[in-house]
Amino acid sequence: MRGLNFVAKSRFRQNWKRRCNMEEQTQNNQPQNTQPQPTPGANQSQGGGSDAEKNKNMAIIGYIIPILFFIPLVTDAKNSPFAKFHAGQQLNLFLAVIVVQVVGILIPIIGWFLILPIGTIAIIVLAIMGLIHASKGETKKLPIIGGFEIIK
């Protein structure tokens, strides 16, 4: 039994050495600079770097509570394009909340059992998407409602 274990270990060592040699050969054949070069226009969805980092909290506030969309517009972040972009998206989200609630309440039966629940779920999903984009520092528009530009 002991001899069999020794044979298995020696085969394992041989295979390991062979793999290590193969990895060294492939590394030697690769060029020294392996980092991909950025392509022009690749960061179009990214915010302004330091601007996005400084104003992430302001961009996130309105996605958590949509009525607070105006907070970035009245604080020091009012000069930030990143904060303004997300304030505009949050205003769109807030208006969508109002439309879903009003239409869902005014139309009996269909509004109560279809429009309100489905619309509320859609609003929550959009808010989470906006929250994720803002926390990553991206300036991506929300689907469906993001195309309207109220705040410039």
C-alpha atoms as a PDB file:
ATOM      1  CA  MET A   1       0.000   0.000   0.000  1.00  0.00           C
ATOM      2  CA  ARG A   2       2.827   2.321   0.889  1.00  0.00           C
ATOM      3  CA  GLY A   3       4.626   1.681  -2.411  1.00  0.00           C
ATOM      4  CA  LEU A   4       1.481   2.545  -4.375  1.00  0.00           C
ATOM      5  CA  ASN A   5       1.185   5.865  -2.549  1.00  0.00           C
ATOM      6  CA  PHE A   6       4.833   6.647  -3.388  1.00  0.00           C
ATOM      7  CA  VAL A   7       4.203   5.941  -7.079  1.00  0.00           C
ATOM      8  CA  ALA A   8       1.148   8.204  -7.105  1.00  0.00           C
ATOM      9  CA  LYS A   9       3.122  11.001  -5.445  1.00  0.00           C
ATOM     10  CA  SER A  10       5.982  10.729  -7.899  1.00  0.00           C
ATOM     11  CA  ARG A  11       3.564  10.849 -10.853  1.00  0.00           C
ATOM     12  CA  PHE A  12       1.894  13.874  -9.311  1.00  0.00           C
ATOM     13  CA  ARG A  13       5.298  15.594  -8.978  1.00  0.00           C
ATOM     14  CA  GLN A  14       6.171  14.776 -12.604  1.00  0.00           C
ATOM     15  CA  ASN A  15       2.856  16.169 -13.831  1.00  0.00           C
ATOM     16  CA  TRP A  16       3.279  19.247 -11.654  1.00  0.00           C
ATOM     17  CA  LYS A  17       6.752  19.949 -13.029  1.00  0.00           C
ATOM     18  CA  ARG A  18       5.499  19.493 -16.571  1.00  0.00           C
ATOM     19  CA  ARG A  19       2.645  21.956 -15.993  1.00  0.00           C
ATOM     20  CA  CYS A  20       4.971  24.500 -14.398  1.00  0.00           C
ATOM     21  CA  ASN A  21       7.348  24.245 -17.366  1.00  0.00           C
ATOM     22  CA  MET A  22       4.444  24.723 -19.779  1.00  0.00           C
ATOM     23  CA  GLU A  23       3.271  27.824 -17.873  1.00  0.00           C
ATOM     24  CA  GLU A  24       6.782  29.285 -17.933  1.00  0.00           C
ATOM     25  CA  GLN A  25       7.018  28.724 -21.680  1.00  0.00           C
ATOM     26  CA  THR A  26       3.684  30.428 -22.342  1.00  0.00           C
ATOM     27  CA  GLN A  27       4.644  33.345 -20.105  1.00  0.00           C
ATOM     28  CA  ASN A  28       7.945  33.760 -21.925  1.00  0.00           C
ATOM     29  CA  ASN A  29       6.161  33.843 -25.300  1.00  0.00           C
ATOM     30  CA  GLN A  30       3.752  36.613 -24.218  1.00  0.00           C
ATOM     31  CA  PRO A  31       4.683  40.285 -24.588  1.00  0.00           C
ATOM     32  CA  GLN A  32       5.669  42.123 -21.418  1.00  0.00           C
ATOM     33  CA  ASN A  33       2.744  44.586 -21.412  1.00  0.00           C
ATOM     34  CA  THR A  34      -0.367  42.420 -20.999  1.00  0.00           C
ATOM     35  CA  GLN A  35      -2.750  45.177 -19.876  1.00  0.00           C
ATOM     36  CA  PRO A  36      -5.388  46.021 -22.485  1.00  0.00           C
ATOM     37  CA  GLN A  37      -5.096  49.461 -24.010  1.00  0.00           C
ATOM     38  CA  PRO A  38      -8.155  51.677 -23.520  1.00  0.00           C
ATOM     39  CA  THR A  39     -10.130  52.307 -26.658  1.00  0.00           C
ATOM     40  CA  PRO A  40     -11.425  55.798 -27.448  1.00  0.00           C
ATOM     41  CA  GLY A  41     -14.998  56.261 -26.278  1.00  0.00           C
ATOM     42  CA  ALA A  42     -14.927  53.175 -24.050  1.00  0.00           C
ATOM     43  CA  ASN A  43     -15.750  55.168 -20.922  1.00  0.00           C
ATOM     44  CA  GLN A  44     -18.711  57.088 -22.270  1.00  0.00           C
ATOM     45  CA  SER A  45     -20.939  55.660 -19.562  1.00  0.00           C
ATOM     46  CA  GLN A  46     -18.481  56.643 -16.842  1.00  0.00           C
ATOM     47  CA  GLY A  47     -18.927  59.853 -14.894  1.00  0.00           C
ATOM     48  CA  GLY A  48     -16.249  62.482 -14.519  1.00  0.00           C
ATOM     49  CA  GLY A  49     -13.891  60.403 -12.350  1.00  0.00           C
ATOM     50  CA  SER A  50     -13.215  62.546  -9.298  1.00  0.00           C
ATOM     51  CA  ASP A  51     -16.516  64.390  -9.787  1.00  0.00           C
ATOM     52  CA  ALA A  52     -18.350  61.069  -9.574  1.00  0.00           C
ATOM     53  CA  GLU A  53     -16.363  59.985  -6.515  1.00  0.00           C
ATOM     54  CA  LYS A  54     -17.039  63.247  -4.659  1.00  0.00           C
ATOM     55  CA  ASN A  55     -20.764  63.305  -5.406  1.00  0.00           C
ATOM     56  CA  LYS A  56     -21.769  59.637  -5.215  1.00  0.00           C
ATOM     57  CA  ASN A  57     -23.725  60.152  -1.994  1.00  0.00           C
ATOM     58  CA  MET A  58     -25.672  63.027  -3.496  1.00  0.00           C
ATOM     59  CA  ALA A  59     -26.464  60.936  -6.562  1.00  0.00           C
ATOM     60  CA  ILE A  60     -27.685  58.010  -4.445  1.00  0.00           C
ATOM     61  CA  ILE A  61     -30.054  59.935  -2.123  1.00  0.00           C
ATOM     62  CA  GLY A  62     -32.960  60.367  -4.550  1.00  0.00           C
ATOM     63  CA  TYR A  63     -33.027  56.730  -5.587  1.00  0.00           C
ATOM     64  CA  ILE A  64     -33.642  55.662  -1.993  1.00  0.00           C
ATOM     65  CA  ILE A  65     -36.401  58.235  -1.382  1.00  0.00           C
ATOM     66  CA  PRO A  66     -37.562  59.655  -4.754  1.00  0.00           C
ATOM     67  CA  ILE A  67     -39.028  62.875  -3.338  1.00  0.00           C
ATOM     68  CA  LEU A  68     -35.492  63.905  -2.320  1.00  0.00           C
ATOM     69  CA  PHE A  69     -34.385  64.304  -5.956  1.00  0.00           C
ATOM     70  CA  PHE A  70     -33.794  68.033  -5.376  1.00  0.00           C
ATOM     71  CA  ILE A  71     -31.155  67.594  -2.625  1.00  0.00           C
ATOM     72  CA  PRO A  72     -28.179  67.516  -5.058  1.00  0.00           C
ATOM     73  CA  LEU A  73     -29.509  70.678  -6.716  1.00  0.00           C
ATOM     74  CA  VAL A  74     -29.503  72.781  -3.531  1.00  0.00           C
ATOM     75  CA  THR A  75     -26.204  71.624  -2.019  1.00  0.00           C
ATOM     76  CA  ASP A  76     -22.585  72.041  -3.095  1.00  0.00           C
ATOM     77  CA  ALA A  77     -23.144  69.311  -5.692  1.00  0.00           C
ATOM     78  CA  LYS A  78     -25.243  71.674  -7.852  1.00  0.00           C
ATOM     79  CA  ASN A  79     -22.208  72.346 -10.069  1.00  0.00           C
ATOM     80  CA  SER A  80     -21.516  68.644 -10.594  1.00  0.00           C
ATOM     81  CA  PRO A  81     -22.641  67.190 -13.956  1.00  0.00           C
ATOM     82  CA  PHE A  82     -22.736  63.737 -12.348  1.00  0.00           C
ATOM     83  CA  ALA A  83     -25.053  64.852  -9.535  1.00  0.00           C
ATOM     84  CA  LYS A  84     -27.245  66.833 -11.975  1.00  0.00           C
ATOM     85  CA  PHE A  85     -27.585  63.833 -14.272  1.00  0.00           C
ATOM     86  CA  HIS A  86     -28.753  61.598 -11.429  1.00  0.00           C
ATOM     87  CA  ALA A  87     -31.031  64.327 -10.054  1.00  0.00           C
ATOM     88  CA  GLY A  88     -32.724  64.375 -13.468  1.00  0.00           C
ATOM     89  CA  GLN A  89     -33.078  60.593 -13.459  1.00  0.00           C
ATOM     90  CA  GLN A  90     -34.501  60.751  -9.931  1.00  0.00           C
ATOM     91  CA  LEU A  91     -37.020  63.402 -10.992  1.00  0.00           C
ATOM     92  CA  ASN A  92     -38.124  61.110 -13.834  1.00  0.00           C
ATOM     93  CA  LEU A  93     -38.469  58.289 -11.323  1.00  0.00           C
ATOM     94  CA  PHE A  94     -40.493  60.493  -8.955  1.00  0.00           C
ATOM     95  CA  LEU A  95     -42.841  61.546 -11.774  1.00  0.00           C
ATOM     96  CA  ALA A  96     -43.258  57.890 -12.768  1.00  0.00           C
ATOM     97  CA  VAL A  97     -44.200  57.066  -9.159  1.00  0.00           C
ATOM     98  CA  ILE A  98     -46.858  59.803  -9.225  1.00  0.00           C
ATOM     99  CA  VAL A  99     -48.260  58.633 -12.585  1.00  0.00           C
ATOM    100  CA  VAL A 100     -48.419  54.973 -11.507  1.00  0.00           C
ATOM    101  CA  GLN A 101     -50.123  55.857  -8.223  1.00  0.00           C
ATOM    102  CA  VAL A 102     -52.678  58.259  -9.730  1.00  0.00           C
ATOM    103  CA  VAL A 103     -53.572  56.002 -12.660  1.00  0.00           C
ATOM    104  CA  GLY A 104     -53.640  52.928 -10.431  1.00  0.00           C
ATOM    105  CA  ILE A 105     -55.988  54.561  -7.937  1.00  0.00           C
ATOM    106  CA  LEU A 106     -58.327  56.209 -10.453  1.00  0.00           C
ATOM    107  CA  ILE A 107     -58.996  53.134 -12.581  1.00  0.00           C
ATOM    108  CA  PRO A 108     -61.068  50.672 -10.539  1.00  0.00           C
ATOM    109  CA  ILE A 109     -60.310  46.930 -10.474  1.00  0.00           C
ATOM    110  CA  ILE A 110     -57.680  46.925 -13.286  1.00  0.00           C
ATOM    111  CA  GLY A 111     -55.766  49.768 -11.657  1.00  0.00           C
ATOM    112  CA  TRP A 112     -55.954  48.281  -8.190  1.00  0.00           C
ATOM    113  CA  PHE A 113     -54.984  44.732  -9.133  1.00  0.00           C
ATOM    114  CA  LEU A 114     -52.742  45.234 -12.191  1.00  0.00           C
ATOM    115  CA  ILE A 115     -51.408  48.754 -12.639  1.00  0.00           C
ATOM    116  CA  LEU A 116     -50.501  49.453  -8.999  1.00  0.00           C
ATOM    117  CA  PRO A 117     -48.670  46.191  -8.234  1.00  0.00           C
ATOM    118  CA  ILE A 118     -46.876  45.866 -11.583  1.00  0.00           C
ATOM    119  CA  GLY A 119     -46.071  49.589 -11.727  1.00  0.00           C
ATOM    120  CA  THR A 120     -44.740  49.580  -8.164  1.00  0.00           C
ATOM    121  CA  ILE A 121     -42.493  46.602  -8.879  1.00  0.00           C
ATOM    122  CA  ALA A 122     -41.233  48.310 -12.054  1.00  0.00           C
ATOM    123  CA  ILE A 123     -40.496  51.519 -10.102  1.00  0.00           C
ATOM    124  CA  ILE A 124     -38.576  49.578  -7.447  1.00  0.00           C
ATOM    125  CA  VAL A 125     -36.529  47.799 -10.134  1.00  0.00           C
ATOM    126  CA  LEU A 126     -35.741  51.118 -11.849  1.00  0.00           C
ATOM    127  CA  ALA A 127     -34.735  52.674  -8.514  1.00  0.00           C
ATOM    128  CA  ILE A 128     -32.380  49.768  -7.795  1.00  0.00           C
ATOM    129  CA  MET A 129     -30.861  50.070 -11.273  1.00  0.00           C
ATOM    130  CA  GLY A 130     -30.308  53.810 -10.781  1.00  0.00           C
ATOM    131  CA  LEU A 131     -28.837  53.196  -7.347  1.00  0.00           C
ATOM    132  CA  ILE A 132     -26.374  50.673  -8.769  1.00  0.00           C
ATOM    133  CA  HIS A 133     -25.354  53.015 -11.613  1.00  0.00           C
ATOM    134  CA  ALA A 134     -24.852  55.923  -9.204  1.00  0.00           C
ATOM    135  CA  SER A 135     -22.838  53.831  -6.748  1.00  0.00           C
ATOM    136  CA  LYS A 136     -20.541  52.658  -9.572  1.00  0.00           C
ATOM    137  CA  GLY A 137     -20.032  56.233 -10.759  1.00  0.00           C
ATOM    138  CA  GLU A 138     -21.772  55.626 -14.101  1.00  0.00           C
ATOM    139  CA  THR A 139     -24.081  57.996 -15.953  1.00  0.00           C
ATOM    140  CA  LYS A 140     -26.375  55.490 -17.643  1.00  0.00           C
ATOM    141  CA  LYS A 141     -29.967  56.442 -18.319  1.00  0.00           C
ATOM    142  CA  LEU A 142     -32.747  54.392 -16.777  1.00  0.00           C
ATOM    143  CA  PRO A 143     -34.739  52.242 -19.212  1.00  0.00           C
ATOM    144  CA  ILE A 144     -38.127  53.573 -20.368  1.00  0.00           C
ATOM    145  CA  ILE A 145     -38.160  56.776 -18.255  1.00  0.00           C
ATOM    146  CA  GLY A 146     -34.505  57.830 -18.591  1.00  0.00           C
ATOM    147  CA  GLY A 147     -34.896  59.397 -22.029  1.00  0.00           C
ATOM    148  CA  PHE A 148     -36.751  62.444 -20.712  1.00  0.00           C
ATOM    149  CA  GLU A 149     -34.340  65.245 -19.873  1.00  0.00           C
ATOM    150  CA  ILE A 150     -36.017  67.687 -17.494  1.00  0.00           C
ATOM    151  CA  ILE A 151     -32.950  68.927 -15.580  1.00  0.00           C
ATOM    152  CA  LYS A 152     -30.052  70.033 -17.773  1.00  0.00           C
END
